[in-house]
Amino acid sequence: MDVLVVTPHPFRMAAMVPDDMVSLDTDGEWAAWSGFDCAVDGERKSVVLVAIAVTSFCPAPGAAPAEALRAMLRARHPAGSATIEEISTADGHPALRIRRPVTEQRGGRPVTTGQAQAFVVFPGAGALGVVSAVCPDAADLDRAAVLVAGIAARMTVTAATAAA
């Protein structure tokens, strides 16, 4: 399914999401698109929630956008707390994928989920495309990581132009 959105920021975003994903209403505040994907492997059911967003990204003058993004992610996720990988996009834009299990206390017990994100730098638009996924079962983290990388690889973001 093709997703074409003019974001609340001055960007146009296009992304291809798998046809079997179900679209959800977005709140119009931060997500340009959101949806979920379900799969069954034998008796085991898997759910991955996905959101796509675009925001401004203007690193310091003279800084390479990809290196600035990499430094920000490594500072936020010290060694061993997450897997950070370079991924390829169809248009050659710098992109990184991060994945990690997250354990939080819910109702007095630990709950572990899987979280994956892909970040794509669009220097010409001064934008950062973000595809985020969470899976309620951390066993589905690889599936979530493949989904975000696949969507991010074909994502495009351009600066929206004002109407003449």
N, C-alpha and C. Protein backbone atom coordinates (compact mmCIF):
# COMPACT_ATOMS: atom_id res chain seq x y z
N MET A 1 0.85 -1.15 0.00
CA MET A 1 0.00 0.00 0.00
C MET A 1 0.90 1.22 0.00
N ASP A 2 0.55 2.21 -0.81
CA ASP A 2 1.32 3.46 -0.85
C ASP A 2 0.72 4.44 0.15
N VAL A 3 1.59 5.12 0.86
CA VAL A 3 1.18 6.14 1.82
C VAL A 3 1.79 7.46 1.37
N LEU A 4 0.96 8.47 1.12
CA LEU A 4 1.44 9.79 0.72
C LEU A 4 0.82 10.79 1.68
N VAL A 5 1.67 11.55 2.36
CA VAL A 5 1.19 12.45 3.42
C VAL A 5 1.94 13.76 3.35
N VAL A 6 1.23 14.86 3.57
CA VAL A 6 1.87 16.14 3.85
C VAL A 6 1.83 16.26 5.36
N THR A 7 3.00 16.33 5.98
CA THR A 7 3.11 16.29 7.44
C THR A 7 2.81 17.66 8.05
N PRO A 8 2.61 17.70 9.38
CA PRO A 8 2.42 19.00 10.03
C PRO A 8 3.66 19.89 9.88
N HIS A 9 4.82 19.26 9.69
CA HIS A 9 6.04 20.00 9.37
C HIS A 9 6.01 20.24 7.87
N PRO A 10 6.88 21.06 7.32
CA PRO A 10 6.80 21.37 5.89
C PRO A 10 7.42 20.29 4.99
N PHE A 11 6.91 19.06 5.08
CA PHE A 11 7.45 17.95 4.30
C PHE A 11 6.35 17.16 3.63
N ARG A 12 6.73 16.54 2.52
CA ARG A 12 5.88 15.53 1.88
C ARG A 12 6.60 14.20 2.06
N MET A 13 5.87 13.22 2.53
CA MET A 13 6.45 11.90 2.78
C MET A 13 5.69 10.87 1.98
N ALA A 14 6.43 9.97 1.35
CA ALA A 14 5.82 8.84 0.66
C ALA A 14 6.52 7.58 1.17
N ALA A 15 5.72 6.57 1.46
CA ALA A 15 6.27 5.30 1.94
C ALA A 15 5.41 4.17 1.42
N MET A 16 6.04 3.05 1.19
CA MET A 16 5.31 1.84 0.81
C MET A 16 5.31 0.92 2.02
N VAL A 17 4.12 0.55 2.45
CA VAL A 17 4.00 -0.41 3.55
C VAL A 17 3.41 -1.69 2.98
N PRO A 18 3.70 -2.82 3.61
CA PRO A 18 3.14 -4.08 3.09
C PRO A 18 1.62 -4.01 2.95
N ASP A 19 1.10 -4.60 1.89
CA ASP A 19 -0.34 -4.55 1.61
C ASP A 19 -1.20 -5.15 2.71
N ASP A 20 -0.66 -6.09 3.48
CA ASP A 20 -1.48 -6.73 4.50
C ASP A 20 -1.49 -5.97 5.83
N MET A 21 -0.80 -4.83 5.88
CA MET A 21 -0.85 -4.02 7.10
C MET A 21 -2.18 -3.28 7.16
N VAL A 22 -2.66 -3.07 8.36
CA VAL A 22 -3.93 -2.37 8.59
C VAL A 22 -3.62 -0.95 9.05
N SER A 23 -4.16 0.04 8.35
CA SER A 23 -3.95 1.44 8.72
C SER A 23 -4.80 1.81 9.93
N LEU A 24 -4.24 2.66 10.77
CA LEU A 24 -4.96 3.20 11.93
C LEU A 24 -5.04 4.71 11.77
N ASP A 25 -6.02 5.33 12.42
CA ASP A 25 -6.09 6.78 12.42
C ASP A 25 -4.89 7.33 13.17
N THR A 26 -4.29 8.39 12.64
CA THR A 26 -3.19 9.05 13.36
C THR A 26 -3.77 10.25 14.08
N ASP A 27 -3.06 10.70 15.07
CA ASP A 27 -3.54 11.83 15.86
C ASP A 27 -3.22 13.17 15.20
N GLY A 28 -2.47 13.14 14.11
CA GLY A 28 -2.12 14.38 13.42
C GLY A 28 -1.03 15.18 14.10
N GLU A 29 -0.58 14.73 15.25
CA GLU A 29 0.44 15.47 15.99
C GLU A 29 1.85 15.03 15.63
N TRP A 30 2.11 13.74 15.67
CA TRP A 30 3.48 13.28 15.44
C TRP A 30 3.58 12.21 14.37
N ALA A 31 2.61 11.35 14.22
CA ALA A 31 2.72 10.27 13.24
C ALA A 31 2.06 10.68 11.93
N ALA A 32 2.78 10.49 10.84
CA ALA A 32 2.21 10.72 9.52
C ALA A 32 1.35 9.53 9.11
N TRP A 33 1.69 8.34 9.61
CA TRP A 33 0.94 7.12 9.33
C TRP A 33 1.19 6.14 10.47
N SER A 34 0.18 5.35 10.79
CA SER A 34 0.37 4.27 11.75
C SER A 34 -0.50 3.10 11.34
N GLY A 35 -0.07 1.93 11.76
CA GLY A 35 -0.81 0.72 11.42
C GLY A 35 -0.24 -0.47 12.16
N PHE A 36 -0.78 -1.64 11.85
CA PHE A 36 -0.26 -2.85 12.49
C PHE A 36 -0.26 -4.01 11.51
N ASP A 37 0.54 -4.98 11.84
CA ASP A 37 0.69 -6.19 11.03
C ASP A 37 0.54 -7.39 11.94
N CYS A 38 -0.21 -8.36 11.51
CA CYS A 38 -0.39 -9.60 12.27
C CYS A 38 0.07 -10.77 11.43
N ALA A 39 0.61 -11.78 12.09
CA ALA A 39 1.04 -12.99 11.40
C ALA A 39 0.82 -14.18 12.32
N VAL A 40 0.64 -15.33 11.73
CA VAL A 40 0.49 -16.56 12.50
C VAL A 40 1.55 -17.54 12.01
N ASP A 41 2.30 -18.07 12.96
CA ASP A 41 3.31 -19.07 12.66
C ASP A 41 2.95 -20.30 13.49
N GLY A 42 2.27 -21.24 12.86
CA GLY A 42 1.77 -22.38 13.63
C GLY A 42 0.65 -21.89 14.54
N GLU A 43 0.81 -22.11 15.84
CA GLU A 43 -0.19 -21.64 16.80
C GLU A 43 0.19 -20.29 17.39
N ARG A 44 1.38 -19.83 17.11
CA ARG A 44 1.87 -18.58 17.68
C ARG A 44 1.41 -17.39 16.84
N LYS A 45 0.80 -16.39 17.49
CA LYS A 45 0.37 -15.17 16.81
C LYS A 45 1.35 -14.06 17.11
N SER A 46 1.55 -13.20 16.12
CA SER A 46 2.52 -12.12 16.23
C SER A 46 1.85 -10.82 15.80
N VAL A 47 2.08 -9.76 16.58
CA VAL A 47 1.54 -8.44 16.26
C VAL A 47 2.69 -7.44 16.32
N VAL A 48 2.77 -6.58 15.30
CA VAL A 48 3.76 -5.50 15.29
C VAL A 48 3.02 -4.21 14.97
N LEU A 49 3.17 -3.22 15.84
CA LEU A 49 2.58 -1.90 15.63
C LEU A 49 3.64 -1.01 14.99
N VAL A 50 3.27 -0.25 13.97
CA VAL A 50 4.22 0.57 13.22
C VAL A 50 3.72 2.01 13.12
N ALA A 51 4.62 2.96 13.23
CA ALA A 51 4.30 4.37 13.01
C ALA A 51 5.40 4.99 12.15
N ILE A 52 5.02 5.91 11.30
CA ILE A 52 5.96 6.62 10.44
C ILE A 52 5.83 8.11 10.74
N ALA A 53 6.96 8.77 10.94
CA ALA A 53 6.96 10.20 11.23
C ALA A 53 8.10 10.87 10.48
N VAL A 54 7.98 12.17 10.32
CA VAL A 54 9.03 12.98 9.70
C VAL A 54 9.22 14.23 10.56
N THR A 55 10.46 14.59 10.78
CA THR A 55 10.74 15.79 11.56
C THR A 55 11.93 16.52 10.95
N SER A 56 12.12 17.74 11.37
CA SER A 56 13.28 18.51 10.89
C SER A 56 14.56 17.90 11.42
N PHE A 57 15.60 17.95 10.61
CA PHE A 57 16.92 17.44 11.03
C PHE A 57 17.98 18.29 10.36
N CYS A 58 18.57 19.15 11.13
CA CYS A 58 19.60 20.06 10.62
C CYS A 58 20.80 20.00 11.55
N PRO A 59 21.75 19.10 11.27
CA PRO A 59 22.94 19.03 12.12
C PRO A 59 23.77 20.31 12.03
N ALA A 60 24.71 20.44 12.92
CA ALA A 60 25.58 21.63 12.96
C ALA A 60 26.24 21.84 11.59
N PRO A 61 26.47 23.10 11.22
CA PRO A 61 27.13 23.39 9.94
C PRO A 61 28.45 22.63 9.84
N GLY A 62 28.67 22.03 8.70
CA GLY A 62 29.90 21.29 8.46
C GLY A 62 29.84 19.83 8.90
N ALA A 63 28.84 19.46 9.67
CA ALA A 63 28.71 18.07 10.13
C ALA A 63 28.02 17.24 9.06
N ALA A 64 28.53 16.05 8.83
CA ALA A 64 27.89 15.13 7.89
C ALA A 64 26.61 14.61 8.56
N PRO A 65 25.47 14.70 7.89
CA PRO A 65 24.21 14.29 8.51
C PRO A 65 24.21 12.86 9.04
N ALA A 66 24.77 11.93 8.27
CA ALA A 66 24.79 10.53 8.71
C ALA A 66 25.64 10.36 9.97
N GLU A 67 26.78 11.04 10.01
CA GLU A 67 27.65 10.93 11.19
C GLU A 67 27.00 11.58 12.41
N ALA A 68 26.31 12.70 12.21
CA ALA A 68 25.62 13.36 13.32
C ALA A 68 24.54 12.45 13.89
N LEU A 69 23.77 11.80 13.01
CA LEU A 69 22.73 10.88 13.46
C LEU A 69 23.34 9.70 14.21
N ARG A 70 24.39 9.12 13.65
CA ARG A 70 25.06 7.98 14.28
C ARG A 70 25.56 8.35 15.68
N ALA A 71 26.16 9.52 15.82
CA ALA A 71 26.67 9.97 17.12
C ALA A 71 25.53 10.15 18.12
N MET A 72 24.42 10.71 17.67
CA MET A 72 23.27 10.90 18.55
C MET A 72 22.72 9.57 19.05
N LEU A 73 22.60 8.60 18.14
CA LEU A 73 22.06 7.29 18.54
C LEU A 73 23.01 6.55 19.46
N ARG A 74 24.30 6.60 19.18
CA ARG A 74 25.27 5.91 20.04
C ARG A 74 25.32 6.55 21.43
N ALA A 75 25.15 7.86 21.53
CA ALA A 75 25.13 8.53 22.83
C ALA A 75 23.88 8.14 23.62
N ARG A 76 22.79 7.97 22.92
CA ARG A 76 21.53 7.61 23.59
C ARG A 76 21.49 6.14 23.99
N HIS A 77 22.18 5.30 23.22
CA HIS A 77 22.19 3.86 23.47
C HIS A 77 23.63 3.39 23.63
N PRO A 78 24.17 3.46 24.85
CA PRO A 78 25.56 3.04 25.07
C PRO A 78 25.77 1.58 24.65
N ALA A 79 27.02 1.24 24.46
CA ALA A 79 27.40 -0.11 23.99
C ALA A 79 26.62 -1.20 24.70
N GLY A 80 26.06 -2.08 23.92
CA GLY A 80 25.37 -3.23 24.47
C GLY A 80 23.90 -3.02 24.79
N SER A 81 23.41 -1.78 24.81
CA SER A 81 22.01 -1.57 25.17
C SER A 81 21.08 -1.67 23.96
N ALA A 82 21.65 -1.61 22.76
CA ALA A 82 20.85 -1.72 21.54
C ALA A 82 21.78 -2.09 20.39
N THR A 83 21.19 -2.68 19.37
CA THR A 83 21.94 -2.98 18.15
C THR A 83 21.67 -1.87 17.15
N ILE A 84 22.73 -1.21 16.70
CA ILE A 84 22.62 -0.13 15.72
C ILE A 84 23.30 -0.60 14.44
N GLU A 85 22.56 -0.55 13.33
CA GLU A 85 23.08 -1.06 12.05
C GLU A 85 22.84 -0.04 10.95
N GLU A 86 23.76 0.03 10.00
CA GLU A 86 23.54 0.82 8.80
C GLU A 86 22.65 0.00 7.87
N ILE A 87 21.71 0.68 7.23
CA ILE A 87 20.86 0.00 6.24
C ILE A 87 20.91 0.79 4.94
N SER A 88 20.47 0.18 3.88
CA SER A 88 20.49 0.81 2.56
C SER A 88 19.09 1.31 2.21
N THR A 89 19.05 2.43 1.51
CA THR A 89 17.78 2.91 0.97
C THR A 89 17.86 2.88 -0.54
N ALA A 90 16.71 2.83 -1.17
CA ALA A 90 16.66 2.77 -2.63
C ALA A 90 17.32 3.99 -3.28
N ASP A 91 17.24 5.15 -2.62
CA ASP A 91 17.80 6.38 -3.18
C ASP A 91 19.17 6.72 -2.64
N GLY A 92 19.76 5.86 -1.82
CA GLY A 92 21.09 6.08 -1.30
C GLY A 92 21.18 7.05 -0.14
N HIS A 93 20.07 7.34 0.52
CA HIS A 93 20.12 8.24 1.68
C HIS A 93 20.72 7.52 2.88
N PRO A 94 21.46 8.24 3.72
CA PRO A 94 22.04 7.63 4.92
C PRO A 94 20.91 7.14 5.84
N ALA A 95 21.06 5.92 6.34
CA ALA A 95 20.01 5.36 7.21
C ALA A 95 20.62 4.42 8.25
N LEU A 96 19.99 4.41 9.40
CA LEU A 96 20.40 3.53 10.50
C LEU A 96 19.17 2.84 11.06
N ARG A 97 19.37 1.61 11.51
CA ARG A 97 18.30 0.87 12.19
C ARG A 97 18.79 0.54 13.59
N ILE A 98 17.89 0.67 14.54
CA ILE A 98 18.20 0.33 15.92
C ILE A 98 17.15 -0.65 16.39
N ARG A 99 17.58 -1.63 17.17
CA ARG A 99 16.63 -2.57 17.75
C ARG A 99 17.08 -2.96 19.13
N ARG A 100 16.07 -3.19 20.00
CA ARG A 100 16.40 -3.58 21.36
C ARG A 100 15.16 -4.10 22.08
N PRO A 101 15.38 -5.02 22.99
CA PRO A 101 14.29 -5.40 23.89
C PRO A 101 14.21 -4.36 25.01
N VAL A 102 13.02 -4.08 25.48
CA VAL A 102 12.82 -3.11 26.55
C VAL A 102 11.96 -3.76 27.63
N THR A 103 12.44 -3.71 28.86
CA THR A 103 11.68 -4.26 29.98
C THR A 103 11.27 -3.13 30.91
N GLU A 104 9.97 -3.07 31.18
CA GLU A 104 9.41 -2.06 32.09
C GLU A 104 8.50 -2.77 33.09
N GLN A 105 8.28 -2.13 34.21
CA GLN A 105 7.35 -2.65 35.21
C GLN A 105 5.93 -2.24 34.82
N ARG A 106 5.03 -3.17 34.71
CA ARG A 106 3.63 -2.92 34.41
C ARG A 106 2.80 -3.76 35.37
N GLY A 107 1.97 -3.10 36.14
CA GLY A 107 1.12 -3.83 37.09
C GLY A 107 1.93 -4.62 38.09
N GLY A 108 3.11 -4.11 38.45
CA GLY A 108 3.94 -4.77 39.44
C GLY A 108 4.76 -5.95 38.92
N ARG A 109 4.78 -6.13 37.61
CA ARG A 109 5.59 -7.22 37.05
C ARG A 109 6.36 -6.73 35.83
N PRO A 110 7.50 -7.35 35.57
CA PRO A 110 8.28 -6.92 34.40
C PRO A 110 7.62 -7.39 33.09
N VAL A 111 7.56 -6.50 32.13
CA VAL A 111 7.02 -6.81 30.81
C VAL A 111 8.09 -6.42 29.79
N THR A 112 8.46 -7.37 28.94
CA THR A 112 9.48 -7.11 27.93
C THR A 112 8.83 -7.06 26.55
N THR A 113 9.11 -5.97 25.82
CA THR A 113 8.64 -5.81 24.45
C THR A 113 9.85 -5.66 23.54
N GLY A 114 9.61 -5.71 22.26
CA GLY A 114 10.67 -5.45 21.30
C GLY A 114 10.42 -4.12 20.63
N GLN A 115 11.47 -3.32 20.45
CA GLN A 115 11.34 -2.04 19.78
C GLN A 115 12.39 -1.91 18.69
N ALA A 116 11.95 -1.47 17.53
CA ALA A 116 12.86 -1.28 16.39
C ALA A 116 12.53 0.05 15.73
N GLN A 117 13.55 0.74 15.27
CA GLN A 117 13.37 2.00 14.55
C GLN A 117 14.37 2.08 13.41
N ALA A 118 13.94 2.73 12.34
CA ALA A 118 14.84 3.05 11.24
C ALA A 118 14.79 4.56 11.06
N PHE A 119 15.95 5.16 10.94
CA PHE A 119 16.08 6.60 10.77
C PHE A 119 16.73 6.86 9.41
N VAL A 120 16.09 7.69 8.59
CA VAL A 120 16.63 8.00 7.27
C VAL A 120 16.82 9.51 7.18
N VAL A 121 18.05 9.92 6.84
CA VAL A 121 18.37 11.34 6.70
C VAL A 121 18.09 11.77 5.26
N PHE A 122 17.33 12.85 5.13
CA PHE A 122 17.04 13.45 3.83
C PHE A 122 17.64 14.85 3.83
N PRO A 123 18.96 14.94 3.54
CA PRO A 123 19.65 16.23 3.66
C PRO A 123 19.05 17.34 2.79
N GLY A 124 18.61 17.01 1.60
CA GLY A 124 18.05 18.03 0.71
C GLY A 124 16.80 18.68 1.26
N ALA A 125 16.04 17.93 2.05
CA ALA A 125 14.80 18.45 2.64
C ALA A 125 15.02 18.95 4.07
N GLY A 126 16.21 18.67 4.63
CA GLY A 126 16.45 19.02 6.03
C GLY A 126 15.56 18.22 6.95
N ALA A 127 15.38 16.93 6.62
CA ALA A 127 14.42 16.11 7.34
C ALA A 127 15.01 14.79 7.79
N LEU A 128 14.34 14.21 8.78
CA LEU A 128 14.66 12.88 9.27
C LEU A 128 13.38 12.07 9.23
N GLY A 129 13.38 11.00 8.44
CA GLY A 129 12.25 10.08 8.41
C GLY A 129 12.47 9.02 9.47
N VAL A 130 11.43 8.71 10.22
CA VAL A 130 11.53 7.74 11.31
C VAL A 130 10.41 6.71 11.15
N VAL A 131 10.80 5.45 11.08
CA VAL A 131 9.83 4.35 11.07
C VAL A 131 10.05 3.58 12.36
N SER A 132 9.02 3.53 13.20
CA SER A 132 9.12 2.89 14.51
C SER A 132 8.18 1.70 14.59
N ALA A 133 8.62 0.67 15.31
CA ALA A 133 7.77 -0.50 15.52
C ALA A 133 7.95 -1.00 16.94
N VAL A 134 6.87 -1.50 17.49
CA VAL A 134 6.92 -2.15 18.79
C VAL A 134 6.14 -3.45 18.67
N CYS A 135 6.69 -4.49 19.26
CA CYS A 135 6.01 -5.77 19.28
C CYS A 135 5.82 -6.17 20.75
N PRO A 136 4.58 -6.50 21.13
CA PRO A 136 4.31 -6.85 22.52
C PRO A 136 5.12 -8.05 23.01
N ASP A 137 5.56 -8.89 22.09
CA ASP A 137 6.38 -10.05 22.44
C ASP A 137 7.77 -9.83 21.85
N ALA A 138 8.79 -9.75 22.70
CA ALA A 138 10.15 -9.49 22.23
C ALA A 138 10.65 -10.56 21.26
N ALA A 139 10.00 -11.71 21.24
CA ALA A 139 10.38 -12.77 20.29
C ALA A 139 10.12 -12.34 18.85
N ASP A 140 9.34 -11.28 18.66
CA ASP A 140 9.02 -10.79 17.32
C ASP A 140 9.91 -9.61 16.90
N LEU A 141 10.97 -9.36 17.66
CA LEU A 141 11.84 -8.21 17.39
C LEU A 141 12.48 -8.29 16.00
N ASP A 142 12.91 -9.45 15.58
CA ASP A 142 13.51 -9.56 14.24
C ASP A 142 12.48 -9.20 13.16
N ARG A 143 11.26 -9.64 13.34
CA ARG A 143 10.20 -9.33 12.38
C ARG A 143 9.94 -7.82 12.34
N ALA A 144 9.91 -7.18 13.50
CA ALA A 144 9.71 -5.74 13.57
C ALA A 144 10.86 -5.01 12.89
N ALA A 145 12.09 -5.48 13.11
CA ALA A 145 13.27 -4.85 12.51
C ALA A 145 13.24 -4.95 10.99
N VAL A 146 12.80 -6.07 10.47
CA VAL A 146 12.69 -6.25 9.01
C VAL A 146 11.62 -5.31 8.46
N LEU A 147 10.50 -5.18 9.15
CA LEU A 147 9.44 -4.28 8.70
C LEU A 147 9.92 -2.83 8.62
N VAL A 148 10.54 -2.33 9.68
CA VAL A 148 10.97 -0.92 9.66
C VAL A 148 12.03 -0.68 8.60
N ALA A 149 12.95 -1.61 8.45
CA ALA A 149 14.00 -1.44 7.43
C ALA A 149 13.40 -1.45 6.03
N GLY A 150 12.44 -2.34 5.79
CA GLY A 150 11.80 -2.43 4.48
C GLY A 150 11.03 -1.17 4.12
N ILE A 151 10.31 -0.62 5.09
CA ILE A 151 9.55 0.61 4.85
C ILE A 151 10.52 1.78 4.64
N ALA A 152 11.52 1.89 5.52
CA ALA A 152 12.48 3.00 5.44
C ALA A 152 13.26 2.97 4.13
N ALA A 153 13.57 1.78 3.62
CA ALA A 153 14.39 1.65 2.41
C ALA A 153 13.72 2.28 1.19
N ARG A 154 12.40 2.35 1.19
CA ARG A 154 11.68 2.90 0.03
C ARG A 154 11.00 4.23 0.34
N MET A 155 11.26 4.78 1.50
CA MET A 155 10.64 6.03 1.92
C MET A 155 11.27 7.21 1.19
N THR A 156 10.46 8.21 0.86
CA THR A 156 10.98 9.45 0.31
C THR A 156 10.39 10.62 1.08
N VAL A 157 11.18 11.65 1.26
CA VAL A 157 10.74 12.87 1.93
C VAL A 157 11.29 14.04 1.14
N THR A 158 10.43 14.99 0.84
CA THR A 158 10.83 16.21 0.17
C THR A 158 10.26 17.40 0.93
N ALA A 159 10.84 18.56 0.71
CA ALA A 159 10.29 19.76 1.31
C ALA A 159 9.00 20.09 0.61
N ALA A 160 7.96 20.37 1.39
CA ALA A 160 6.69 20.76 0.81
C ALA A 160 6.80 22.22 0.34
N THR A 161 6.28 22.49 -0.82
CA THR A 161 6.35 23.85 -1.33
C THR A 161 5.03 24.55 -1.06
N ALA A 162 5.10 25.83 -0.82
CA ALA A 162 3.90 26.61 -0.57
C ALA A 162 3.11 26.72 -1.87
N ALA A 163 1.81 26.76 -1.74
CA ALA A 163 0.94 26.92 -2.92
C ALA A 163 1.17 28.29 -3.53
N ALA A 164 1.19 28.33 -4.84
CA ALA A 164 1.43 29.60 -5.53
C ALA A 164 0.21 30.47 -5.53
